[in-house]
């Protein structure tokens, strides 16, 4: 009986020791897997957050040339000027007449206006010019007609009349006098150019126009001009010179027209 009691106590002691060993092993395992915390605990290693991606910039509005504006200029058969700022250039956008608009023949432009002639009617696109801040001391330059003080211009200044370049000496003669005189001289030049154009067409050509006026003189209301001209033929273009004399005492009438090199 004593032997049985001793065996029971040994068995109970073994079970208790086994239970304690199991609890100790479980605690050690938890200590190994737990993350330490507190002042003495090492810093945890964490993956840094992905860097924020900066948004890509959108398309920028780049400065560009202004598309310009449309100016309608119409000729009723005669010469007409349409005031416009042509510093950026002028192009023919849409012809409203039928085959009557030919650059530097029936339409053109100068620094102040677009001009049309001989029934040309069209929409012209006036390009926008870049605007610059004026200098505090800058003053607008006087127009060519204002510099000479007598309605003319300085010798050596070139300009355009009816689409033809005019030399300084000829310009001084053509732009002298009052507005009525100037208009009469322009009509005289136009009459000479029409007469030349008609002669070329009568000979089977496609037309002619003045390209440069070298000399101009007024004598007793008779205008004499010497000009360079260009004639268009089916076989090509020919350039030559023209001397024209037109009477301005009434309606402009061409008295003499002499050409060299155009046919």
Protein backbone atom coordinates (compact mmCIF):
# COMPACT_ATOMS: atom_id res chain seq x y z
CA UNK A 1 0.00 0.00 0.00
CA UNK A 2 2.85 2.36 0.85
CA UNK A 3 4.45 1.47 -2.44
CA UNK A 4 1.33 2.48 -4.33
CA UNK A 5 1.14 5.84 -2.57
CA UNK A 6 4.81 6.55 -3.34
CA UNK A 7 4.29 5.71 -7.00
CA UNK A 8 1.28 8.07 -7.16
CA UNK A 9 3.27 10.94 -5.74
CA UNK A 10 6.04 10.37 -8.29
CA UNK A 11 3.53 10.33 -11.11
CA UNK A 12 1.90 13.58 -9.93
CA UNK A 13 5.34 15.22 -9.56
CA UNK A 14 6.29 14.19 -13.11
CA UNK A 15 3.06 15.62 -14.48
CA UNK A 16 3.64 18.92 -12.67
CA UNK A 17 7.21 19.16 -13.92
CA UNK A 18 6.06 18.41 -17.45
CA UNK A 19 3.38 21.13 -17.25
CA UNK A 20 5.93 23.68 -15.99
CA UNK A 21 8.36 22.79 -18.77
CA UNK A 22 5.62 23.24 -21.38
CA UNK A 23 4.66 26.66 -20.00
CA UNK A 24 8.28 27.80 -19.99
CA UNK A 25 8.82 26.72 -23.59
CA UNK A 26 5.64 28.51 -24.71
CA UNK A 27 6.75 31.73 -22.97
CA UNK A 28 10.16 31.61 -24.67
CA UNK A 29 8.55 31.19 -28.05
CA UNK A 30 6.29 34.21 -27.49
CA UNK A 31 9.28 36.30 -26.42
CA UNK A 32 11.11 35.47 -29.63
CA UNK A 33 8.21 36.41 -31.90
CA UNK A 34 6.91 39.51 -30.04
CA UNK A 35 8.09 43.00 -31.13
CA UNK A 36 9.85 44.73 -28.28
CA UNK A 37 8.65 48.17 -27.23
CA UNK A 38 9.78 50.78 -24.78
CA UNK A 39 12.74 53.14 -24.41
CA UNK A 40 15.35 50.39 -24.73
CA UNK A 41 13.69 48.59 -27.55
CA UNK A 42 15.46 48.72 -30.94
CA UNK A 43 13.75 50.70 -33.72
CA UNK A 44 11.58 48.67 -35.97
CA UNK A 45 12.66 48.40 -39.59
CA UNK A 46 9.80 49.39 -41.84
CA UNK A 47 9.73 49.83 -45.59
CA UNK A 48 9.60 53.53 -46.51
CA UNK A 49 6.42 54.70 -48.19
CA UNK A 50 6.66 54.97 -51.96
CA UNK A 51 7.68 58.47 -53.05
CA UNK A 52 4.83 60.67 -54.22
CA UNK A 53 4.87 61.08 -57.98
CA UNK A 54 4.77 64.74 -59.00
CA UNK A 55 2.05 65.43 -61.52
CA UNK A 56 3.33 66.02 -65.01
CA UNK A 57 2.86 69.58 -66.21
CA UNK A 58 0.10 70.11 -68.71
CA UNK A 59 0.57 71.72 -72.13
CA UNK A 60 1.70 75.31 -72.00
CA UNK A 61 0.11 78.10 -73.96
CA UNK A 62 2.94 79.16 -76.24
CA UNK A 63 2.93 82.69 -77.57
CA UNK A 64 2.29 82.85 -81.29
CA UNK A 65 1.52 85.27 -84.07
CA UNK A 66 -1.96 86.68 -84.03
CA UNK A 67 -4.11 85.24 -86.84
CA UNK A 68 -4.97 88.80 -87.78
CA UNK A 69 -8.29 90.27 -88.83
CA UNK A 70 -10.25 90.49 -92.05
CA UNK A 71 -10.70 93.75 -93.90
CA UNK A 72 -13.13 94.03 -96.80
CA UNK A 73 -12.02 96.42 -99.54
CA UNK A 74 -14.08 96.87 -102.70
CA UNK A 75 -13.52 98.75 -105.93
CA UNK A 76 -16.51 99.92 -107.93
CA UNK A 77 -14.31 100.08 -111.01
CA UNK A 78 -11.98 102.82 -109.81
CA UNK A 79 -9.20 103.20 -107.31
CA UNK A 80 -10.11 102.95 -103.63
CA UNK A 81 -8.11 102.91 -100.37
CA UNK A 82 -9.19 101.11 -97.18
CA UNK A 83 -7.31 102.33 -94.08
CA UNK A 84 -5.61 99.51 -92.13
CA UNK A 85 -2.55 98.81 -89.99
CA UNK A 86 -0.48 96.74 -92.43
CA UNK A 87 2.75 96.55 -90.42
CA UNK A 88 2.47 92.75 -90.13
CA UNK A 89 1.67 92.17 -93.82
CA UNK A 90 -1.47 91.60 -95.88
CA UNK A 91 -2.70 88.50 -97.73
CA UNK A 92 -5.71 87.95 -99.95
CA UNK A 93 -8.12 85.79 -97.90
CA UNK A 94 -11.14 85.55 -100.23
CA UNK A 95 -11.95 87.22 -103.52
CA UNK A 96 -15.49 88.57 -103.76
CA UNK A 97 -15.18 89.55 -107.42
CA UNK A 98 -14.47 87.10 -110.26
CA UNK A 99 -10.84 87.00 -111.33
CA UNK A 100 -10.26 90.73 -110.92
CA UNK A 101 -7.84 90.71 -107.99
CA UNK A 102 -4.18 90.46 -108.97
CA UNK A 103 -1.53 91.46 -106.45
CA UNK A 104 0.31 94.69 -107.28
CA UNK A 105 -1.89 95.08 -110.34
CA UNK A 106 -5.42 95.53 -109.02
CA UNK A 107 -4.68 95.32 -105.30
CA UNK A 108 -1.82 96.08 -102.95
CA UNK A 109 -1.02 97.90 -99.72
CA UNK A 110 1.24 100.49 -98.21
CA UNK A 111 2.03 101.40 -94.63
CA UNK A 112 -1.40 102.95 -94.02
CA UNK A 113 -3.98 101.23 -96.17
CA UNK A 114 -5.00 98.47 -98.56
CA UNK A 115 -5.85 99.64 -102.07
CA UNK A 116 -7.99 98.05 -104.79
CA UNK A 117 -8.64 99.01 -108.40
CA UNK A 118 -10.43 97.92 -111.61
CA UNK A 119 -13.32 96.18 -109.86
CA UNK A 120 -11.31 94.07 -107.41
CA UNK A 121 -13.41 93.20 -104.35
CA UNK A 122 -12.01 90.93 -101.67
CA UNK A 123 -11.46 90.10 -98.02
CA UNK A 124 -7.87 90.71 -96.95
CA UNK A 125 -6.23 89.24 -93.88
CA UNK A 126 -4.16 91.79 -91.99
CA UNK A 127 -1.55 90.00 -89.87
CA UNK A 128 -1.19 91.10 -86.24
CA UNK A 129 2.09 92.80 -85.38
CA UNK A 130 3.89 92.20 -82.07
CA UNK A 131 3.30 94.99 -79.60
CA UNK A 132 6.32 96.47 -77.88
CA UNK A 133 6.37 98.86 -74.97
CA UNK A 134 7.38 102.30 -76.27
CA UNK A 135 10.45 103.97 -74.92
CA UNK A 136 9.67 106.85 -72.54
CA UNK A 137 11.48 109.23 -74.88
CA UNK A 138 10.26 107.72 -78.14
CA UNK A 139 8.17 110.00 -80.31
CA UNK A 140 6.25 108.96 -83.40
CA UNK A 141 8.11 109.68 -86.61
CA UNK A 142 6.29 112.11 -88.88
CA UNK A 143 4.70 110.74 -92.01
CA UNK A 144 6.66 111.27 -95.24
CA UNK A 145 4.27 114.00 -96.38
CA UNK A 146 4.78 115.94 -93.13
CA UNK A 147 8.57 116.05 -93.05
CA UNK A 148 9.10 118.40 -95.95
CA UNK A 149 6.57 120.92 -94.66
CA UNK A 150 5.17 121.52 -98.15
CA UNK A 151 3.06 118.45 -98.85
CA UNK A 152 5.96 116.55 -100.45
CA UNK A 153 8.56 114.20 -99.02
CA UNK A 154 12.29 114.14 -98.53
CA UNK A 155 14.34 113.33 -101.59
CA UNK A 156 15.54 109.74 -101.57
CA UNK A 157 12.45 108.38 -99.81
CA UNK A 158 10.75 105.47 -101.57
CA UNK A 159 7.04 104.69 -101.28
CA UNK A 160 4.25 102.97 -103.15
CA UNK A 161 1.74 104.58 -105.46
CA UNK A 162 -0.79 102.26 -107.09
CA UNK A 163 1.44 99.31 -106.20
CA UNK A 164 4.58 100.66 -107.91
CA UNK A 165 7.71 101.70 -106.04
CA UNK A 166 8.35 105.42 -106.46
CA UNK A 167 11.84 106.90 -106.27
CA UNK A 168 12.50 109.88 -104.03
CA UNK A 169 12.66 112.56 -106.73
CA UNK A 170 9.54 111.28 -108.48
CA UNK A 171 7.71 110.97 -105.15
CA UNK A 172 8.46 114.58 -104.30
CA UNK A 173 6.79 115.66 -107.54
CA UNK A 174 3.83 113.29 -107.25
CA UNK A 175 3.03 114.13 -103.63
CA UNK A 176 3.37 117.89 -103.85
CA UNK A 177 0.29 120.10 -103.89
CA UNK A 178 -3.05 119.72 -102.19
CA UNK A 179 -5.15 116.57 -102.00
CA UNK A 180 -6.91 117.35 -105.27
CA UNK A 181 -3.58 117.67 -107.10
CA UNK A 182 -2.31 114.42 -105.61
CA UNK A 183 -5.51 112.59 -106.61
CA UNK A 184 -5.24 114.00 -110.13
CA UNK A 185 -1.65 112.75 -110.46
CA UNK A 186 -2.63 109.29 -109.23
CA UNK A 187 -5.39 109.21 -111.83
CA UNK A 188 -2.85 110.20 -114.46
CA UNK A 189 -0.53 107.34 -113.49
CA UNK A 190 -3.48 104.96 -113.51
CA UNK A 191 -4.48 106.15 -116.99
CA UNK A 192 -0.95 105.48 -118.28
CA UNK A 193 -0.90 102.01 -116.73
CA UNK A 194 -4.32 101.18 -118.19
CA UNK A 195 -3.19 102.28 -121.62
CA UNK A 196 -0.10 100.07 -121.39
CA UNK A 197 -2.15 97.12 -120.12
CA UNK A 198 -4.59 97.53 -123.02
CA UNK A 199 -1.75 97.58 -125.59
CA UNK A 200 -0.28 94.35 -124.23
CA UNK A 201 -3.67 92.61 -124.22
CA UNK A 202 -4.38 93.80 -127.78
CA UNK A 203 -1.14 92.08 -128.82
CA UNK A 204 -2.21 88.78 -127.22
CA UNK A 205 -0.61 89.26 -123.81
CA UNK A 206 -2.11 88.82 -120.38
CA UNK A 207 -1.56 92.36 -119.17
CA UNK A 208 1.06 94.78 -117.89
CA UNK A 209 1.70 97.00 -114.90
CA UNK A 210 4.21 99.50 -113.59
CA UNK A 211 6.75 98.18 -111.11
CA UNK A 212 8.77 101.35 -110.43
CA UNK A 213 8.37 105.03 -111.24
CA UNK A 214 11.78 106.60 -111.76
CA UNK A 215 10.90 110.17 -112.76
CA UNK A 216 7.88 112.45 -112.69
CA UNK A 217 7.41 116.05 -113.89
CA UNK A 218 4.47 118.44 -114.02
CA UNK A 219 4.35 121.11 -116.75
CA UNK A 220 1.19 123.16 -117.32
CA UNK A 221 -1.04 120.42 -115.89
CA UNK A 222 0.65 117.82 -118.07
CA UNK A 223 2.21 114.91 -116.18
CA UNK A 224 5.26 113.19 -117.65
CA UNK A 225 6.51 110.01 -116.07
CA UNK A 226 9.23 107.50 -116.80
CA UNK A 227 8.63 104.07 -115.31
CA UNK A 228 9.73 100.47 -115.37
CA UNK A 229 7.05 97.95 -116.27
CA UNK A 230 6.43 94.25 -116.52
CA UNK A 231 4.34 92.58 -119.23
CA UNK A 232 2.91 89.08 -118.96
CA UNK A 233 2.87 87.01 -122.13
CA UNK A 234 1.89 83.41 -122.75
CA UNK A 235 5.53 82.57 -123.35
CA UNK A 236 6.74 84.33 -120.19
CA UNK A 237 7.40 87.72 -118.64
CA UNK A 238 9.23 90.66 -120.16
CA UNK A 239 10.47 93.77 -118.41
CA UNK A 240 11.09 97.12 -119.98
CA UNK A 241 10.72 100.88 -119.64
CA UNK A 242 7.81 103.20 -120.37
CA UNK A 243 7.59 106.95 -121.03
CA UNK A 244 4.10 108.36 -120.67
CA UNK A 245 2.65 111.86 -121.10
CA UNK A 246 -0.87 112.51 -119.79
CA UNK A 247 -2.94 115.69 -119.89
CA UNK A 248 -4.58 116.49 -116.53
CA UNK A 249 -6.38 119.67 -117.53
CA UNK A 250 -9.63 117.73 -117.68
CA UNK A 251 -10.23 114.05 -117.45
CA UNK A 252 -6.78 112.36 -117.59
CA UNK A 253 -5.94 111.68 -121.23
CA UNK A 254 -2.82 109.86 -122.39
CA UNK A 255 -1.11 111.91 -125.10
CA UNK A 256 1.96 109.73 -125.61
CA UNK A 257 3.03 106.26 -124.54
CA UNK A 258 6.37 104.85 -125.56
CA UNK A 259 7.81 101.53 -124.41
CA UNK A 260 11.04 99.64 -124.80
CA UNK A 261 11.64 95.95 -124.15
CA UNK A 262 8.09 94.83 -123.38
CA UNK A 263 7.37 93.23 -126.79
